[in-house]
Amino acid sequence: MAGTILNVMFKYNVTSEQLLEALAPLVDDFAKLPGLQWKIWFMNEEESEAGGVYLFENQAACSDYLSGPLARIVTSHPALSDFIVKSFDVLEEPTAACRGPVGAFAHG
């Protein structure tokens, strides 16, 4: 497999600007996560939903994040609720055929 995808979605009960302000100090912490290849942040302002799609090198790195302090900071924030958290193995061949950014570490 070419890594582990983590998909996290949640509702927020503040303005979108307030959410972005609250998340901004955490960006560097996410960037430094061991085993994290990339993260895409997303938001649906109309539905007050946000989240991220992460690519970890492997399930162990994903599990370490989920059981670690950064995940606890996010999931315990009073403005956030209704978390949906799912992880998936990446299917390397069809992903690469569709230009998915997974090949850089897949064989390392």
N, C-alpha and C. Protein backbone atom coordinates (compact mmCIF):
# COMPACT_ATOMS: atom_id res chain seq x y z
N MET A 1 0.83 -1.19 0.00
CA MET A 1 0.00 0.00 0.00
C MET A 1 0.87 1.25 0.00
N ALA A 2 0.29 2.32 -0.44
CA ALA A 2 1.02 3.59 -0.59
C ALA A 2 0.71 4.56 0.53
N GLY A 3 0.33 4.07 1.68
CA GLY A 3 0.06 4.96 2.79
C GLY A 3 -1.35 4.82 3.32
N THR A 4 -1.67 5.69 4.25
CA THR A 4 -2.97 5.69 4.90
C THR A 4 -3.59 7.07 4.78
N ILE A 5 -4.81 7.10 4.29
CA ILE A 5 -5.59 8.34 4.22
C ILE A 5 -6.43 8.44 5.49
N LEU A 6 -6.43 9.62 6.08
CA LEU A 6 -7.31 9.91 7.21
C LEU A 6 -8.25 11.01 6.78
N ASN A 7 -9.52 10.80 6.94
CA ASN A 7 -10.53 11.80 6.62
C ASN A 7 -11.22 12.21 7.92
N VAL A 8 -11.17 13.49 8.22
CA VAL A 8 -11.78 14.03 9.44
C VAL A 8 -12.75 15.13 9.05
N MET A 9 -13.98 15.04 9.53
CA MET A 9 -14.98 16.08 9.31
C MET A 9 -15.60 16.43 10.65
N PHE A 10 -16.01 17.70 10.78
CA PHE A 10 -16.65 18.14 12.01
C PHE A 10 -17.51 19.36 11.73
N LYS A 11 -18.42 19.64 12.67
CA LYS A 11 -19.24 20.84 12.64
C LYS A 11 -18.57 21.89 13.52
N TYR A 12 -18.82 23.16 13.21
CA TYR A 12 -18.31 24.24 14.07
C TYR A 12 -19.43 25.23 14.36
N ASN A 13 -19.35 25.85 15.55
CA ASN A 13 -20.44 26.74 16.00
C ASN A 13 -19.97 28.18 16.20
N VAL A 14 -18.93 28.58 15.47
CA VAL A 14 -18.43 29.95 15.47
C VAL A 14 -18.43 30.42 14.01
N THR A 15 -18.06 31.67 13.78
CA THR A 15 -17.96 32.12 12.39
C THR A 15 -16.80 31.41 11.71
N SER A 16 -16.82 31.38 10.41
CA SER A 16 -15.72 30.77 9.67
C SER A 16 -14.41 31.49 9.95
N GLU A 17 -14.46 32.80 10.08
CA GLU A 17 -13.26 33.58 10.39
C GLU A 17 -12.71 33.19 11.76
N GLN A 18 -13.59 33.01 12.74
CA GLN A 18 -13.15 32.60 14.07
C GLN A 18 -12.53 31.21 14.05
N LEU A 19 -13.11 30.32 13.25
CA LEU A 19 -12.55 28.97 13.13
C LEU A 19 -11.14 29.04 12.54
N LEU A 20 -10.98 29.80 11.48
CA LEU A 20 -9.66 29.92 10.85
C LEU A 20 -8.64 30.53 11.81
N GLU A 21 -9.07 31.50 12.61
CA GLU A 21 -8.18 32.09 13.61
C GLU A 21 -7.77 31.06 14.66
N ALA A 22 -8.71 30.21 15.06
CA ALA A 22 -8.41 29.20 16.07
C ALA A 22 -7.48 28.11 15.53
N LEU A 23 -7.61 27.79 14.24
CA LEU A 23 -6.80 26.74 13.65
C LEU A 23 -5.41 27.22 13.24
N ALA A 24 -5.27 28.49 12.95
CA ALA A 24 -4.00 29.03 12.43
C ALA A 24 -2.78 28.66 13.29
N PRO A 25 -2.86 28.76 14.62
CA PRO A 25 -1.68 28.42 15.42
C PRO A 25 -1.30 26.93 15.36
N LEU A 26 -2.21 26.08 14.88
CA LEU A 26 -1.95 24.64 14.84
C LEU A 26 -1.31 24.18 13.53
N VAL A 27 -1.28 25.05 12.52
CA VAL A 27 -0.80 24.66 11.19
C VAL A 27 0.62 24.10 11.27
N ASP A 28 1.52 24.80 11.94
CA ASP A 28 2.90 24.31 12.04
C ASP A 28 2.99 22.98 12.78
N ASP A 29 2.14 22.79 13.79
CA ASP A 29 2.14 21.52 14.52
C ASP A 29 1.73 20.38 13.60
N PHE A 30 0.72 20.63 12.75
CA PHE A 30 0.32 19.60 11.79
C PHE A 30 1.44 19.34 10.79
N ALA A 31 2.08 20.39 10.32
CA ALA A 31 3.15 20.23 9.33
C ALA A 31 4.31 19.40 9.87
N LYS A 32 4.50 19.39 11.18
CA LYS A 32 5.60 18.66 11.79
C LYS A 32 5.23 17.25 12.26
N LEU A 33 4.01 16.82 12.01
CA LEU A 33 3.60 15.48 12.46
C LEU A 33 4.46 14.40 11.84
N PRO A 34 5.03 13.53 12.64
CA PRO A 34 5.83 12.43 12.09
C PRO A 34 4.97 11.54 11.18
N GLY A 35 5.50 11.27 10.00
CA GLY A 35 4.80 10.39 9.06
C GLY A 35 3.74 11.05 8.21
N LEU A 36 3.45 12.33 8.46
CA LEU A 36 2.44 13.03 7.64
C LEU A 36 3.09 13.49 6.34
N GLN A 37 2.55 13.06 5.23
CA GLN A 37 3.05 13.48 3.92
C GLN A 37 2.42 14.80 3.48
N TRP A 38 1.13 14.92 3.68
CA TRP A 38 0.42 16.17 3.38
C TRP A 38 -0.94 16.17 4.05
N LYS A 39 -1.51 17.37 4.12
CA LYS A 39 -2.86 17.54 4.65
C LYS A 39 -3.58 18.56 3.80
N ILE A 40 -4.80 18.28 3.44
CA ILE A 40 -5.67 19.23 2.75
C ILE A 40 -6.75 19.64 3.74
N TRP A 41 -6.85 20.94 3.97
CA TRP A 41 -7.86 21.50 4.87
C TRP A 41 -9.07 21.87 4.01
N PHE A 42 -10.29 21.65 4.54
CA PHE A 42 -11.48 22.04 3.77
C PHE A 42 -12.55 22.63 4.68
N MET A 43 -13.45 23.39 4.04
CA MET A 43 -14.53 24.05 4.79
C MET A 43 -15.75 24.20 3.88
N ASN A 44 -16.92 23.98 4.45
CA ASN A 44 -18.20 24.25 3.80
C ASN A 44 -18.93 25.25 4.70
N GLU A 45 -18.79 26.53 4.37
CA GLU A 45 -19.34 27.58 5.24
C GLU A 45 -20.86 27.50 5.36
N GLU A 46 -21.54 27.14 4.29
CA GLU A 46 -23.01 27.07 4.33
C GLU A 46 -23.51 26.06 5.35
N GLU A 47 -22.77 24.97 5.53
CA GLU A 47 -23.18 23.91 6.45
C GLU A 47 -22.43 23.96 7.78
N SER A 48 -21.53 24.94 7.95
CA SER A 48 -20.69 25.04 9.15
C SER A 48 -19.95 23.73 9.42
N GLU A 49 -19.37 23.20 8.34
CA GLU A 49 -18.59 21.97 8.41
C GLU A 49 -17.17 22.25 7.92
N ALA A 50 -16.23 21.54 8.49
CA ALA A 50 -14.84 21.66 8.07
C ALA A 50 -14.14 20.34 8.35
N GLY A 51 -12.88 20.28 7.98
CA GLY A 51 -12.11 19.08 8.26
C GLY A 51 -10.85 19.03 7.45
N GLY A 52 -10.35 17.81 7.29
CA GLY A 52 -9.12 17.62 6.55
C GLY A 52 -8.99 16.22 6.01
N VAL A 53 -8.18 16.13 4.97
CA VAL A 53 -7.78 14.85 4.41
C VAL A 53 -6.28 14.79 4.56
N TYR A 54 -5.80 13.74 5.19
CA TYR A 54 -4.38 13.59 5.48
C TYR A 54 -3.86 12.37 4.74
N LEU A 55 -2.59 12.42 4.35
CA LEU A 55 -1.92 11.23 3.86
C LEU A 55 -0.75 10.95 4.80
N PHE A 56 -0.82 9.82 5.48
CA PHE A 56 0.26 9.37 6.36
C PHE A 56 1.04 8.27 5.66
N GLU A 57 2.30 8.13 6.02
CA GLU A 57 3.15 7.08 5.45
C GLU A 57 2.58 5.69 5.70
N ASN A 58 1.95 5.51 6.87
CA ASN A 58 1.44 4.19 7.22
C ASN A 58 0.39 4.33 8.33
N GLN A 59 -0.25 3.22 8.64
CA GLN A 59 -1.30 3.22 9.66
C GLN A 59 -0.75 3.57 11.03
N ALA A 60 0.48 3.17 11.32
CA ALA A 60 1.07 3.46 12.63
C ALA A 60 1.20 4.97 12.84
N ALA A 61 1.65 5.71 11.83
CA ALA A 61 1.77 7.16 11.95
C ALA A 61 0.39 7.80 12.12
N CYS A 62 -0.60 7.28 11.41
CA CYS A 62 -1.97 7.78 11.54
C CYS A 62 -2.49 7.52 12.96
N SER A 63 -2.30 6.33 13.45
CA SER A 63 -2.75 5.98 14.80
C SER A 63 -2.05 6.82 15.87
N ASP A 64 -0.74 7.07 15.65
CA ASP A 64 0.00 7.91 16.60
C ASP A 64 -0.60 9.31 16.67
N TYR A 65 -0.95 9.87 15.51
CA TYR A 65 -1.59 11.18 15.51
C TYR A 65 -2.92 11.13 16.26
N LEU A 66 -3.75 10.15 15.93
CA LEU A 66 -5.09 10.08 16.52
C LEU A 66 -5.06 9.89 18.04
N SER A 67 -4.02 9.27 18.55
CA SER A 67 -3.94 9.07 19.99
C SER A 67 -3.05 10.12 20.67
N GLY A 68 -2.59 11.09 19.91
CA GLY A 68 -1.66 12.07 20.44
C GLY A 68 -2.29 13.38 20.89
N PRO A 69 -1.45 14.28 21.37
CA PRO A 69 -1.93 15.54 21.94
C PRO A 69 -2.58 16.49 20.93
N LEU A 70 -2.10 16.50 19.69
CA LEU A 70 -2.68 17.43 18.71
C LEU A 70 -4.12 17.06 18.39
N ALA A 71 -4.39 15.78 18.21
CA ALA A 71 -5.77 15.35 17.97
C ALA A 71 -6.66 15.66 19.16
N ARG A 72 -6.12 15.52 20.38
CA ARG A 72 -6.91 15.85 21.58
C ARG A 72 -7.23 17.34 21.63
N ILE A 73 -6.30 18.18 21.23
CA ILE A 73 -6.55 19.63 21.20
C ILE A 73 -7.72 19.94 20.27
N VAL A 74 -7.69 19.35 19.09
CA VAL A 74 -8.74 19.61 18.11
C VAL A 74 -10.08 19.06 18.58
N THR A 75 -10.12 17.81 18.99
CA THR A 75 -11.40 17.18 19.31
C THR A 75 -12.00 17.70 20.61
N SER A 76 -11.22 18.35 21.46
CA SER A 76 -11.76 18.89 22.70
C SER A 76 -12.12 20.38 22.60
N HIS A 77 -11.91 20.97 21.44
CA HIS A 77 -12.22 22.39 21.29
C HIS A 77 -13.73 22.60 21.43
N PRO A 78 -14.17 23.55 22.26
CA PRO A 78 -15.60 23.73 22.51
C PRO A 78 -16.41 24.20 21.30
N ALA A 79 -15.77 24.74 20.28
CA ALA A 79 -16.49 25.20 19.09
C ALA A 79 -16.69 24.09 18.06
N LEU A 80 -16.13 22.91 18.32
CA LEU A 80 -16.17 21.83 17.34
C LEU A 80 -16.97 20.64 17.89
N SER A 81 -17.72 19.98 17.01
CA SER A 81 -18.53 18.84 17.44
C SER A 81 -18.79 17.91 16.26
N ASP A 82 -19.47 16.83 16.55
CA ASP A 82 -19.95 15.88 15.54
C ASP A 82 -18.82 15.39 14.62
N PHE A 83 -17.74 14.95 15.23
CA PHE A 83 -16.59 14.48 14.45
C PHE A 83 -16.90 13.17 13.76
N ILE A 84 -16.46 13.06 12.52
CA ILE A 84 -16.46 11.81 11.77
C ILE A 84 -15.01 11.58 11.37
N VAL A 85 -14.42 10.48 11.84
CA VAL A 85 -13.01 10.19 11.62
C VAL A 85 -12.91 8.78 11.03
N LYS A 86 -12.32 8.69 9.83
CA LYS A 86 -12.17 7.40 9.17
C LYS A 86 -10.80 7.33 8.51
N SER A 87 -10.19 6.16 8.56
CA SER A 87 -8.92 5.96 7.87
C SER A 87 -9.08 4.86 6.82
N PHE A 88 -8.25 4.97 5.79
CA PHE A 88 -8.32 4.06 4.65
C PHE A 88 -6.92 3.77 4.14
N ASP A 89 -6.69 2.56 3.63
CA ASP A 89 -5.46 2.26 2.90
C ASP A 89 -5.56 2.88 1.52
N VAL A 90 -4.45 3.41 1.03
CA VAL A 90 -4.40 3.98 -0.32
C VAL A 90 -4.19 2.86 -1.32
N LEU A 91 -4.96 2.86 -2.38
CA LEU A 91 -4.78 1.91 -3.48
C LEU A 91 -3.83 2.58 -4.47
N GLU A 92 -2.57 2.14 -4.46
CA GLU A 92 -1.51 2.84 -5.17
C GLU A 92 -1.71 2.92 -6.68
N GLU A 93 -1.96 1.81 -7.34
CA GLU A 93 -2.01 1.82 -8.80
C GLU A 93 -3.12 2.69 -9.36
N PRO A 94 -4.38 2.53 -8.94
CA PRO A 94 -5.40 3.40 -9.52
C PRO A 94 -5.23 4.87 -9.11
N THR A 95 -4.68 5.10 -7.91
CA THR A 95 -4.44 6.47 -7.48
C THR A 95 -3.37 7.12 -8.35
N ALA A 96 -2.28 6.42 -8.59
CA ALA A 96 -1.22 6.95 -9.44
C ALA A 96 -1.72 7.19 -10.87
N ALA A 97 -2.56 6.29 -11.37
CA ALA A 97 -3.10 6.45 -12.72
C ALA A 97 -3.97 7.70 -12.85
N CYS A 98 -4.54 8.14 -11.72
CA CYS A 98 -5.38 9.35 -11.71
C CYS A 98 -4.62 10.55 -11.16
N ARG A 99 -3.30 10.47 -11.16
CA ARG A 99 -2.40 11.55 -10.75
C ARG A 99 -2.48 11.89 -9.27
N GLY A 100 -2.89 10.95 -8.43
CA GLY A 100 -2.89 11.15 -6.99
C GLY A 100 -1.47 11.28 -6.48
N PRO A 101 -1.21 12.19 -5.55
CA PRO A 101 0.15 12.46 -5.08
C PRO A 101 0.61 11.47 -4.01
N VAL A 102 0.82 10.21 -4.42
CA VAL A 102 1.20 9.21 -3.44
C VAL A 102 2.52 8.51 -3.76
N GLY A 103 3.12 8.72 -4.89
CA GLY A 103 4.28 7.94 -5.31
C GLY A 103 5.59 8.32 -4.69
N ALA A 104 5.72 9.50 -4.10
CA ALA A 104 7.02 9.99 -3.64
C ALA A 104 7.64 9.11 -2.56
N PHE A 105 6.84 8.47 -1.74
CA PHE A 105 7.38 7.65 -0.65
C PHE A 105 6.92 6.21 -0.71
N ALA A 106 6.15 5.86 -1.72
CA ALA A 106 5.50 4.56 -1.76
C ALA A 106 6.49 3.40 -1.76
N HIS A 107 7.67 3.61 -2.29
CA HIS A 107 8.63 2.51 -2.37
C HIS A 107 9.84 2.74 -1.47
N GLY A 108 9.79 3.80 -0.65
CA GLY A 108 10.93 4.13 0.20
C GLY A 108 10.88 3.41 1.44
